[in-house]
Amino acid sequence: MEPGLAVKVSQMLGPLPSALAAPSIWYAAVLVPNRNPGGNRGTLSGCDSPTGTICHVPVAIRRGTDRFVERLPGRLTAHAFSFGSSYDAEHVRFGPMVCHDDHLLRVGEGFPPHDHAGLVIVTWVVSGAVAHSGPGGDARLEPGQLGVLRTGAGVMHAEVAAAPQTRFVQVWLTDPDADTGAAAAEPSYDVTTPALPPGELVPVATPIPGASLSVVRLGDHQTVTIPAAPQTHVFVSRGALLRSSLAEPLHEGDAFLFTDEPDTELTAGVPSELLVWSFS
């Protein structure tokens, strides 16, 4: 998100694989015995992927420690998917999600004015505060607030930490209008503050058709049911999940990637917050 960074998704990512499949990242031993927990490449029966990515992975885990890390003065960023000079064909996208970044900023640091096009960018503030400037003027996002930037055919914006230890999670989704060649909508920026009753999975945004974000805050040993969907991305923004039949414990920064999974129960080991994306 530095100035001059790629405007188009294709410029940012380089060549995309032809199949939009969940990446083969990590398998729970109880599901796939004798697999390497560090990740596997290969082809399942009836599946042929030119990138070497397994085409159908029901349950994958992207460990926070396996993300691409970028360190700059006053900023630490963990990229879950290929970004800039970090490219891995197995970690390019998940459905319309082409970027999942976890930013930690010192106050006054961030991303000066830069441009985007053909994206819908969703920001969730975990701690601190983010000062945003762009369409609609200036805005300030506090913890538990959501910002949705629709870039249309092109927009300039900036994001700067307005408080110490600012941390926010940002997701870039491909804009379906850009993919179909339809006329792009005017750029816009909207801020919402959803009510989050403890233990309840709350839908907070549907930024593009077929893509919805829900948030749940769990107490110690509280359980939530993640509804079935063609693709589901569950990110642990705070806390940790207990060991289950799916995996060893998940910690802050880890994520589940489900493909065609039924309803799934997840239990927090400590007070936790989950960001849940569902793609139809």
C-alpha atoms as a PDB file:
ATOM      1  CA  MET A   1       0.000   0.000   0.000  1.00  0.00           C
ATOM      2  CA  GLU A   2       2.986   2.309  -0.464  1.00  0.00           C
ATOM      3  CA  PRO A   3       2.715   5.122  -3.054  1.00  0.00           C
ATOM      4  CA  GLY A   4       3.131   3.808  -6.558  1.00  0.00           C
ATOM      5  CA  LEU A   5       2.130   0.311  -5.570  1.00  0.00           C
ATOM      6  CA  ALA A   6       0.116  -1.554  -8.146  1.00  0.00           C
ATOM      7  CA  VAL A   7      -3.279  -0.124  -8.951  1.00  0.00           C
ATOM      8  CA  LYS A   8      -4.676  -3.178 -10.662  1.00  0.00           C
ATOM      9  CA  VAL A   9      -4.949  -6.519  -8.920  1.00  0.00           C
ATOM     10  CA  SER A  10      -3.176  -8.163 -11.830  1.00  0.00           C
ATOM     11  CA  GLN A  11      -0.266  -5.765 -11.441  1.00  0.00           C
ATOM     12  CA  MET A  12      -0.087  -6.444  -7.730  1.00  0.00           C
ATOM     13  CA  LEU A  13      -0.207 -10.220  -7.907  1.00  0.00           C
ATOM     14  CA  GLY A  14       1.438 -11.075 -11.195  1.00  0.00           C
ATOM     15  CA  PRO A  15       0.068 -14.065 -13.097  1.00  0.00           C
ATOM     16  CA  LEU A  16      -2.890 -15.677 -11.375  1.00  0.00           C
ATOM     17  CA  PRO A  17      -3.561 -19.426 -11.391  1.00  0.00           C
ATOM     18  CA  SER A  18      -6.435 -20.467 -13.603  1.00  0.00           C
ATOM     19  CA  ALA A  19      -8.223 -22.342 -10.805  1.00  0.00           C
ATOM     20  CA  LEU A  20      -9.445 -20.367  -7.793  1.00  0.00           C
ATOM     21  CA  ALA A  21      -8.762 -23.142  -5.326  1.00  0.00           C
ATOM     22  CA  ALA A  22      -8.067 -23.031  -1.638  1.00  0.00           C
ATOM     23  CA  PRO A  23      -4.300 -23.163  -1.050  1.00  0.00           C
ATOM     24  CA  SER A  24      -2.781 -26.359   0.322  1.00  0.00           C
ATOM     25  CA  ILE A  25      -1.216 -24.985   3.487  1.00  0.00           C
ATOM     26  CA  TRP A  26      -1.485 -27.373   6.394  1.00  0.00           C
ATOM     27  CA  TYR A  27      -3.398 -30.563   7.183  1.00  0.00           C
ATOM     28  CA  ALA A  28      -4.542 -31.825  10.562  1.00  0.00           C
ATOM     29  CA  ALA A  29      -3.040 -35.255  11.118  1.00  0.00           C
ATOM     30  CA  VAL A  30      -6.428 -36.619  12.099  1.00  0.00           C
ATOM     31  CA  LEU A  31      -7.808 -35.705   8.670  1.00  0.00           C
ATOM     32  CA  VAL A  32      -4.919 -36.588   6.385  1.00  0.00           C
ATOM     33  CA  PRO A  33      -2.462 -38.999   8.042  1.00  0.00           C
ATOM     34  CA  ASN A  34       1.182 -38.993   6.968  1.00  0.00           C
ATOM     35  CA  ARG A  35       0.998 -35.496   5.502  1.00  0.00           C
ATOM     36  CA  ASN A  36       3.638 -32.886   6.242  1.00  0.00           C
ATOM     37  CA  PRO A  37       2.183 -30.263   8.630  1.00  0.00           C
ATOM     38  CA  GLY A  38       4.300 -27.626   6.902  1.00  0.00           C
ATOM     39  CA  GLY A  39       2.283 -27.889   3.696  1.00  0.00           C
ATOM     40  CA  ASN A  40       1.959 -30.178   0.689  1.00  0.00           C
ATOM     41  CA  ARG A  41       1.922 -29.871  -3.052  1.00  0.00           C
ATOM     42  CA  GLY A  42       0.371 -32.437  -5.310  1.00  0.00           C
ATOM     43  CA  THR A  43      -2.697 -33.425  -7.256  1.00  0.00           C
ATOM     44  CA  LEU A  44      -5.751 -35.245  -6.016  1.00  0.00           C
ATOM     45  CA  SER A  45      -7.503 -37.830  -8.115  1.00  0.00           C
ATOM     46  CA  GLY A  46      -9.397 -36.146 -10.939  1.00  0.00           C
ATOM     47  CA  CYS A  47      -7.653 -32.820 -10.351  1.00  0.00           C
ATOM     48  CA  ASP A  48      -5.104 -31.190 -12.610  1.00  0.00           C
ATOM     49  CA  SER A  49      -3.719 -27.802 -11.598  1.00  0.00           C
ATOM     50  CA  PRO A  50      -0.986 -26.133 -13.667  1.00  0.00           C
ATOM     51  CA  THR A  51       0.334 -24.366 -10.562  1.00  0.00           C
ATOM     52  CA  GLY A  52       0.773 -27.549  -8.529  1.00  0.00           C
ATOM     53  CA  THR A  53      -1.900 -26.427  -6.078  1.00  0.00           C
ATOM     54  CA  ILE A  54      -4.268 -29.085  -4.773  1.00  0.00           C
ATOM     55  CA  CYS A  55      -7.635 -28.199  -6.228  1.00  0.00           C
ATOM     56  CA  HIS A  56      -9.938 -29.159  -3.376  1.00  0.00           C
ATOM     57  CA  VAL A  57      -8.742 -28.845   0.209  1.00  0.00           C
ATOM     58  CA  PRO A  58     -11.720 -29.098   2.611  1.00  0.00           C
ATOM     59  CA  VAL A  59      -9.785 -27.715   5.599  1.00  0.00           C
ATOM     60  CA  ALA A  60      -6.585 -25.710   5.354  1.00  0.00           C
ATOM     61  CA  ILE A  61      -4.765 -23.622   7.925  1.00  0.00           C
ATOM     62  CA  ARG A  62      -2.670 -20.553   7.290  1.00  0.00           C
ATOM     63  CA  ARG A  63      -0.465 -20.117  10.326  1.00  0.00           C
ATOM     64  CA  GLY A  64       0.336 -16.547  11.268  1.00  0.00           C
ATOM     65  CA  THR A  65       4.008 -17.469  11.459  1.00  0.00           C
ATOM     66  CA  ASP A  66       3.936 -18.588   7.803  1.00  0.00           C
ATOM     67  CA  ARG A  67       2.759 -15.262   6.410  1.00  0.00           C
ATOM     68  CA  PHE A  68       4.973 -12.968   4.342  1.00  0.00           C
ATOM     69  CA  VAL A  69       6.358 -10.384   6.783  1.00  0.00           C
ATOM     70  CA  GLU A  70       7.306  -6.839   5.844  1.00  0.00           C
ATOM     71  CA  ARG A  71       9.202  -4.699   8.377  1.00  0.00           C
ATOM     72  CA  LEU A  72       9.670  -0.961   7.991  1.00  0.00           C
ATOM     73  CA  PRO A  73      10.399   1.762  10.567  1.00  0.00           C
ATOM     74  CA  GLY A  74       7.228   2.095  12.644  1.00  0.00           C
ATOM     75  CA  ARG A  75       5.351  -0.621  10.758  1.00  0.00           C
ATOM     76  CA  LEU A  76       5.063  -4.409  10.816  1.00  0.00           C
ATOM     77  CA  THR A  77       2.839  -6.045   8.182  1.00  0.00           C
ATOM     78  CA  ALA A  78       1.990  -9.729   7.750  1.00  0.00           C
ATOM     79  CA  HIS A  79       0.645 -10.623   4.283  1.00  0.00           C
ATOM     80  CA  ALA A  80      -1.380 -13.851   4.124  1.00  0.00           C
ATOM     81  CA  PHE A  81      -1.303 -13.840   0.317  1.00  0.00           C
ATOM     82  CA  SER A  82       1.275 -13.017  -2.335  1.00  0.00           C
ATOM     83  CA  PHE A  83       2.051  -9.322  -2.296  1.00  0.00           C
ATOM     84  CA  GLY A  84       4.653  -7.168  -4.011  1.00  0.00           C
ATOM     85  CA  SER A  85       7.948  -9.037  -4.246  1.00  0.00           C
ATOM     86  CA  SER A  86       6.595 -11.979  -2.200  1.00  0.00           C
ATOM     87  CA  TYR A  87       4.973 -14.404  -4.625  1.00  0.00           C
ATOM     88  CA  ASP A  88       3.908 -17.992  -4.020  1.00  0.00           C
ATOM     89  CA  ALA A  89       1.517 -19.692  -6.427  1.00  0.00           C
ATOM     90  CA  GLU A  90      -0.069 -21.591  -3.512  1.00  0.00           C
ATOM     91  CA  HIS A  91      -0.926 -18.379  -1.644  1.00  0.00           C
ATOM     92  CA  VAL A  92      -2.488 -16.038  -4.179  1.00  0.00           C
ATOM     93  CA  ARG A  93      -6.162 -15.657  -3.299  1.00  0.00           C
ATOM     94  CA  PHE A  94      -9.180 -17.301  -1.704  1.00  0.00           C
ATOM     95  CA  GLY A  95     -12.320 -16.674  -3.733  1.00  0.00           C
ATOM     96  CA  PRO A  96     -12.557 -12.899  -4.283  1.00  0.00           C
ATOM     97  CA  MET A  97     -10.093 -12.240  -1.415  1.00  0.00           C
ATOM     98  CA  VAL A  98      -6.770 -11.245  -2.990  1.00  0.00           C
ATOM     99  CA  CYS A  99      -5.197  -9.562   0.032  1.00  0.00           C
ATOM    100  CA  HIS A 100      -5.421 -10.248   3.778  1.00  0.00           C
ATOM    101  CA  ASP A 101      -3.033  -7.972   5.684  1.00  0.00           C
ATOM    102  CA  ASP A 102      -2.407  -7.602   9.405  1.00  0.00           C
ATOM    103  CA  HIS A 103      -0.817  -4.208  10.159  1.00  0.00           C
ATOM    104  CA  LEU A 104       0.809  -2.999  13.392  1.00  0.00           C
ATOM    105  CA  LEU A 105       1.724   0.698  13.320  1.00  0.00           C
ATOM    106  CA  ARG A 106       3.455   3.229  15.519  1.00  0.00           C
ATOM    107  CA  VAL A 107       1.448   6.417  16.017  1.00  0.00           C
ATOM    108  CA  GLY A 108       1.896   8.738  13.046  1.00  0.00           C
ATOM    109  CA  GLU A 109       3.068   5.920  10.751  1.00  0.00           C
ATOM    110  CA  GLY A 110       1.085   4.255   7.993  1.00  0.00           C
ATOM    111  CA  PHE A 111       0.356   4.663   4.323  1.00  0.00           C
ATOM    112  CA  PRO A 112       0.526   8.138   2.757  1.00  0.00           C
ATOM    113  CA  PRO A 113      -1.684   8.954  -0.249  1.00  0.00           C
ATOM    114  CA  HIS A 114      -1.735   6.128  -2.774  1.00  0.00           C
ATOM    115  CA  ASP A 115      -4.147   4.849  -5.401  1.00  0.00           C
ATOM    116  CA  HIS A 116      -6.315   1.794  -6.012  1.00  0.00           C
ATOM    117  CA  ALA A 117      -8.827   0.689  -8.649  1.00  0.00           C
ATOM    118  CA  GLY A 118     -11.127  -2.289  -9.162  1.00  0.00           C
ATOM    119  CA  LEU A 119     -11.188  -3.257  -5.479  1.00  0.00           C
ATOM    120  CA  VAL A 120     -13.410  -3.124  -2.417  1.00  0.00           C
ATOM    121  CA  ILE A 121     -11.188  -2.708   0.658  1.00  0.00           C
ATOM    122  CA  VAL A 122     -12.473  -3.657   4.107  1.00  0.00           C
ATOM    123  CA  THR A 123     -10.656  -2.506   7.257  1.00  0.00           C
ATOM    124  CA  TRP A 124     -11.293  -3.797  10.796  1.00  0.00           C
ATOM    125  CA  VAL A 125      -9.527  -2.021  13.672  1.00  0.00           C
ATOM    126  CA  VAL A 126      -8.284  -4.301  16.447  1.00  0.00           C
ATOM    127  CA  SER A 127      -6.469  -1.737  18.614  1.00  0.00           C
ATOM    128  CA  GLY A 128      -5.440   1.920  18.529  1.00  0.00           C
ATOM    129  CA  ALA A 129      -7.068   4.072  15.858  1.00  0.00           C
ATOM    130  CA  VAL A 130      -6.780   4.682  12.110  1.00  0.00           C
ATOM    131  CA  ALA A 131      -7.082   8.125  10.533  1.00  0.00           C
ATOM    132  CA  HIS A 132      -8.389   7.716   6.976  1.00  0.00           C
ATOM    133  CA  SER A 133      -8.552  10.360   4.267  1.00  0.00           C
ATOM    134  CA  GLY A 134     -10.113   9.840   0.865  1.00  0.00           C
ATOM    135  CA  PRO A 135     -13.623   9.792  -0.591  1.00  0.00           C
ATOM    136  CA  GLY A 136     -15.984  11.669   1.693  1.00  0.00           C
ATOM    137  CA  GLY A 137     -13.178  13.475   3.529  1.00  0.00           C
ATOM    138  CA  ASP A 138     -11.502  12.422   6.777  1.00  0.00           C
ATOM    139  CA  ALA A 139     -12.621   9.647   9.116  1.00  0.00           C
ATOM    140  CA  ARG A 140     -11.314   7.995  12.268  1.00  0.00           C
ATOM    141  CA  LEU A 141     -11.759   4.277  12.946  1.00  0.00           C
ATOM    142  CA  GLU A 142     -11.631   2.972  16.510  1.00  0.00           C
ATOM    143  CA  PRO A 143     -11.434  -0.658  17.702  1.00  0.00           C
ATOM    144  CA  GLY A 144     -14.555  -2.555  16.680  1.00  0.00           C
ATOM    145  CA  GLN A 145     -15.273  -0.221  13.772  1.00  0.00           C
ATOM    146  CA  LEU A 146     -15.390  -1.204  10.127  1.00  0.00           C
ATOM    147  CA  GLY A 147     -14.360   0.855   7.113  1.00  0.00           C
ATOM    148  CA  VAL A 148     -15.379  -0.081   3.563  1.00  0.00           C
ATOM    149  CA  LEU A 149     -13.617   1.665   0.670  1.00  0.00           C
ATOM    150  CA  ARG A 150     -15.084   1.226  -2.808  1.00  0.00           C
ATOM    151  CA  THR A 151     -12.353   2.252  -5.214  1.00  0.00           C
ATOM    152  CA  GLY A 152     -14.405   2.298  -8.424  1.00  0.00           C
ATOM    153  CA  ALA A 153     -12.343   3.169 -11.483  1.00  0.00           C
ATOM    154  CA  GLY A 154      -9.683   4.788  -9.302  1.00  0.00           C
ATOM    155  CA  VAL A 155      -9.248   6.583  -5.991  1.00  0.00           C
ATOM    156  CA  MET A 156      -6.554   8.152  -3.819  1.00  0.00           C
ATOM    157  CA  HIS A 157      -6.590   7.585  -0.060  1.00  0.00           C
ATOM    158  CA  ALA A 158      -4.323   7.483   2.984  1.00  0.00           C
ATOM    159  CA  GLU A 159      -4.268   5.557   6.272  1.00  0.00           C
ATOM    160  CA  VAL A 160      -2.222   6.636   9.295  1.00  0.00           C
ATOM    161  CA  ALA A 161      -2.118   5.394  12.890  1.00  0.00           C
ATOM    162  CA  ALA A 162      -3.816   7.949  15.129  1.00  0.00           C
ATOM    163  CA  ALA A 163      -2.920   6.173  18.393  1.00  0.00           C
ATOM    164  CA  PRO A 164      -0.055   4.067  19.759  1.00  0.00           C
ATOM    165  CA  GLN A 165       0.027   0.361  18.944  1.00  0.00           C
ATOM    166  CA  THR A 166      -2.534   0.627  16.175  1.00  0.00           C
ATOM    167  CA  ARG A 167      -3.405  -2.730  14.678  1.00  0.00           C
ATOM    168  CA  PHE A 168      -5.874  -3.322  11.892  1.00  0.00           C
ATOM    169  CA  VAL A 169      -6.781  -6.161   9.568  1.00  0.00           C
ATOM    170  CA  GLN A 170      -7.441  -5.261   5.962  1.00  0.00           C
ATOM    171  CA  VAL A 171      -8.961  -7.383   3.189  1.00  0.00           C
ATOM    172  CA  TRP A 172      -9.007  -6.564  -0.512  1.00  0.00           C
ATOM    173  CA  LEU A 173     -11.831  -8.054  -2.594  1.00  0.00           C
ATOM    174  CA  THR A 174     -12.007  -7.969  -6.360  1.00  0.00           C
ATOM    175  CA  ASP A 175     -14.835  -5.722  -7.504  1.00  0.00           C
ATOM    176  CA  PRO A 176     -17.227  -7.799  -9.677  1.00  0.00           C
ATOM    177  CA  ASP A 177     -18.059  -4.696 -11.734  1.00  0.00           C
ATOM    178  CA  ALA A 178     -14.404  -4.448 -12.724  1.00  0.00           C
ATOM    179  CA  ASP A 179     -14.386  -8.123 -13.751  1.00  0.00           C
ATOM    180  CA  THR A 180     -17.504  -7.808 -15.934  1.00  0.00           C
ATOM    181  CA  GLY A 181     -16.587  -4.498 -17.518  1.00  0.00           C
ATOM    182  CA  ALA A 182     -19.651  -2.792 -16.041  1.00  0.00           C
ATOM    183  CA  ALA A 183     -19.449   0.919 -15.357  1.00  0.00           C
ATOM    184  CA  ALA A 184     -17.639   1.456 -12.057  1.00  0.00           C
ATOM    185  CA  ALA A 185     -19.498   3.107  -9.224  1.00  0.00           C
ATOM    186  CA  GLU A 186     -18.232   6.342  -7.730  1.00  0.00           C
ATOM    187  CA  PRO A 187     -15.591   5.799  -5.034  1.00  0.00           C
ATOM    188  CA  SER A 188     -16.970   5.892  -1.500  1.00  0.00           C
ATOM    189  CA  TYR A 189     -15.932   5.238   2.098  1.00  0.00           C
ATOM    190  CA  ASP A 190     -18.330   4.091   4.814  1.00  0.00           C
ATOM    191  CA  VAL A 191     -17.719   3.551   8.525  1.00  0.00           C
ATOM    192  CA  THR A 192     -19.948   1.374  10.706  1.00  0.00           C
ATOM    193  CA  THR A 193     -19.896   0.374  14.382  1.00  0.00           C
ATOM    194  CA  PRO A 194     -21.661  -2.973  14.738  1.00  0.00           C
ATOM    195  CA  ALA A 195     -23.112  -4.153  18.025  1.00  0.00           C
ATOM    196  CA  LEU A 196     -21.371  -7.378  19.046  1.00  0.00           C
ATOM    197  CA  PRO A 197     -23.232  -9.295  21.763  1.00  0.00           C
ATOM    198  CA  PRO A 198     -20.818 -11.780  23.418  1.00  0.00           C
ATOM    199  CA  GLY A 199     -20.799 -15.201  21.805  1.00  0.00           C
ATOM    200  CA  GLU A 200     -22.954 -14.187  18.835  1.00  0.00           C
ATOM    201  CA  LEU A 201     -21.712 -14.400  15.236  1.00  0.00           C
ATOM    202  CA  VAL A 202     -22.849 -11.041  13.856  1.00  0.00           C
ATOM    203  CA  PRO A 203     -22.944 -10.187  10.122  1.00  0.00           C
ATOM    204  CA  VAL A 204     -21.307  -6.759   9.819  1.00  0.00           C
ATOM    205  CA  ALA A 205     -20.865  -6.204   6.066  1.00  0.00           C
ATOM    206  CA  THR A 206     -21.675  -7.525   2.592  1.00  0.00           C
ATOM    207  CA  PRO A 207     -19.246  -5.424   0.557  1.00  0.00           C
ATOM    208  CA  ILE A 208     -19.794  -7.303  -2.720  1.00  0.00           C
ATOM    209  CA  PRO A 209     -22.453  -9.811  -3.794  1.00  0.00           C
ATOM    210  CA  GLY A 210     -21.710 -13.253  -2.418  1.00  0.00           C
ATOM    211  CA  ALA A 211     -19.144 -12.061   0.140  1.00  0.00           C
ATOM    212  CA  SER A 212     -20.081 -11.373   3.754  1.00  0.00           C
ATOM    213  CA  LEU A 213     -18.062 -10.576   6.863  1.00  0.00           C
ATOM    214  CA  SER A 214     -19.199 -11.622  10.326  1.00  0.00           C
ATOM    215  CA  VAL A 215     -17.505 -11.038  13.674  1.00  0.00           C
ATOM    216  CA  VAL A 216     -17.793 -12.966  16.925  1.00  0.00           C
ATOM    217  CA  ARG A 217     -16.301 -12.261  20.337  1.00  0.00           C
ATOM    218  CA  LEU A 218     -16.005 -15.349  22.493  1.00  0.00           C
ATOM    219  CA  GLY A 219     -15.413 -15.752  26.202  1.00  0.00           C
ATOM    220  CA  ASP A 220     -13.165 -18.348  27.785  1.00  0.00           C
ATOM    221  CA  HIS A 221     -14.218 -21.825  26.518  1.00  0.00           C
ATOM    222  CA  GLN A 222     -17.216 -20.402  24.664  1.00  0.00           C
ATOM    223  CA  THR A 223     -18.233 -22.136  21.408  1.00  0.00           C
ATOM    224  CA  VAL A 224     -19.541 -20.707  18.140  1.00  0.00           C
ATOM    225  CA  THR A 225     -20.946 -22.505  15.108  1.00  0.00           C
ATOM    226  CA  ILE A 226     -19.517 -21.364  11.774  1.00  0.00           C
ATOM    227  CA  PRO A 227     -22.233 -21.894   9.116  1.00  0.00           C
ATOM    228  CA  ALA A 228     -21.556 -23.992   6.051  1.00  0.00           C
ATOM    229  CA  ALA A 229     -20.574 -22.120   2.885  1.00  0.00           C
ATOM    230  CA  PRO A 230     -18.751 -22.889  -0.364  1.00  0.00           C
ATOM    231  CA  GLN A 231     -15.719 -21.018   1.016  1.00  0.00           C
ATOM    232  CA  THR A 232     -15.137 -19.691   4.543  1.00  0.00           C
ATOM    233  CA  HIS A 233     -12.129 -17.817   5.926  1.00  0.00           C
ATOM    234  CA  VAL A 234     -11.912 -17.679   9.746  1.00  0.00           C
ATOM    235  CA  PHE A 235      -9.184 -15.389  11.121  1.00  0.00           C
ATOM    236  CA  VAL A 236      -8.208 -15.265  14.790  1.00  0.00           C
ATOM    237  CA  SER A 237      -7.716 -11.539  15.300  1.00  0.00           C
ATOM    238  CA  ARG A 238      -7.404 -11.923  19.078  1.00  0.00           C
ATOM    239  CA  GLY A 239      -7.054 -14.843  21.477  1.00  0.00           C
ATOM    240  CA  ALA A 240      -6.818 -18.533  20.619  1.00  0.00           C
ATOM    241  CA  LEU A 241      -8.942 -21.542  19.702  1.00  0.00           C
ATOM    242  CA  LEU A 242      -8.737 -24.888  21.455  1.00  0.00           C
ATOM    243  CA  ARG A 243      -7.459 -28.023  19.790  1.00  0.00           C
ATOM    244  CA  SER A 244     -10.189 -29.788  17.811  1.00  0.00           C
ATOM    245  CA  SER A 245     -10.674 -32.606  15.336  1.00  0.00           C
ATOM    246  CA  LEU A 246      -9.624 -30.097  12.663  1.00  0.00           C
ATOM    247  CA  ALA A 247      -6.290 -28.968  14.052  1.00  0.00           C
ATOM    248  CA  GLU A 248      -3.987 -28.214  16.925  1.00  0.00           C
ATOM    249  CA  PRO A 249      -4.831 -24.941  18.714  1.00  0.00           C
ATOM    250  CA  LEU A 250      -5.065 -21.811  16.594  1.00  0.00           C
ATOM    251  CA  HIS A 251      -3.539 -18.614  17.917  1.00  0.00           C
ATOM    252  CA  GLU A 252      -3.797 -14.911  17.141  1.00  0.00           C
ATOM    253  CA  GLY A 253      -2.862 -14.434  13.480  1.00  0.00           C
ATOM    254  CA  ASP A 254      -3.835 -17.976  12.403  1.00  0.00           C
ATOM    255  CA  ALA A 255      -6.692 -18.703   9.986  1.00  0.00           C
ATOM    256  CA  PHE A 256      -8.905 -21.575   8.890  1.00  0.00           C
ATOM    257  CA  LEU A 257      -9.785 -21.825   5.191  1.00  0.00           C
ATOM    258  CA  PHE A 258     -12.818 -24.071   4.685  1.00  0.00           C
ATOM    259  CA  THR A 259     -14.038 -25.305   1.298  1.00  0.00           C
ATOM    260  CA  ASP A 260     -17.502 -26.909   1.160  1.00  0.00           C
ATOM    261  CA  GLU A 261     -17.365 -27.746   4.868  1.00  0.00           C
ATOM    262  CA  PRO A 262     -20.550 -28.357   6.884  1.00  0.00           C
ATOM    263  CA  ASP A 263     -21.373 -26.325   9.987  1.00  0.00           C
ATOM    264  CA  THR A 264     -18.265 -26.261  12.172  1.00  0.00           C
ATOM    265  CA  GLU A 265     -18.006 -25.652  15.928  1.00  0.00           C
ATOM    266  CA  LEU A 266     -14.993 -23.702  17.209  1.00  0.00           C
ATOM    267  CA  THR A 267     -14.200 -23.146  20.886  1.00  0.00           C
ATOM    268  CA  ALA A 268     -12.080 -20.356  22.349  1.00  0.00           C
ATOM    269  CA  GLY A 269      -9.380 -21.213  24.856  1.00  0.00           C
ATOM    270  CA  VAL A 270      -9.224 -17.603  26.077  1.00  0.00           C
ATOM    271  CA  PRO A 271     -11.316 -14.507  25.290  1.00  0.00           C
ATOM    272  CA  SER A 272     -11.080 -14.277  21.512  1.00  0.00           C
ATOM    273  CA  GLU A 273     -12.280 -12.417  18.432  1.00  0.00           C
ATOM    274  CA  LEU A 274     -12.867 -14.111  15.071  1.00  0.00           C
ATOM    275  CA  LEU A 275     -13.312 -12.425  11.687  1.00  0.00           C
ATOM    276  CA  VAL A 276     -15.341 -14.761   9.478  1.00  0.00           C
ATOM    277  CA  TRP A 277     -15.617 -14.274   5.709  1.00  0.00           C
ATOM    278  CA  SER A 278     -18.156 -16.390   3.794  1.00  0.00           C
ATOM    279  CA  PHE A 279     -18.070 -16.629  -0.009  1.00  0.00           C
ATOM    280  CA  SER A 280     -20.876 -18.161  -2.059  1.00  0.00           C
END
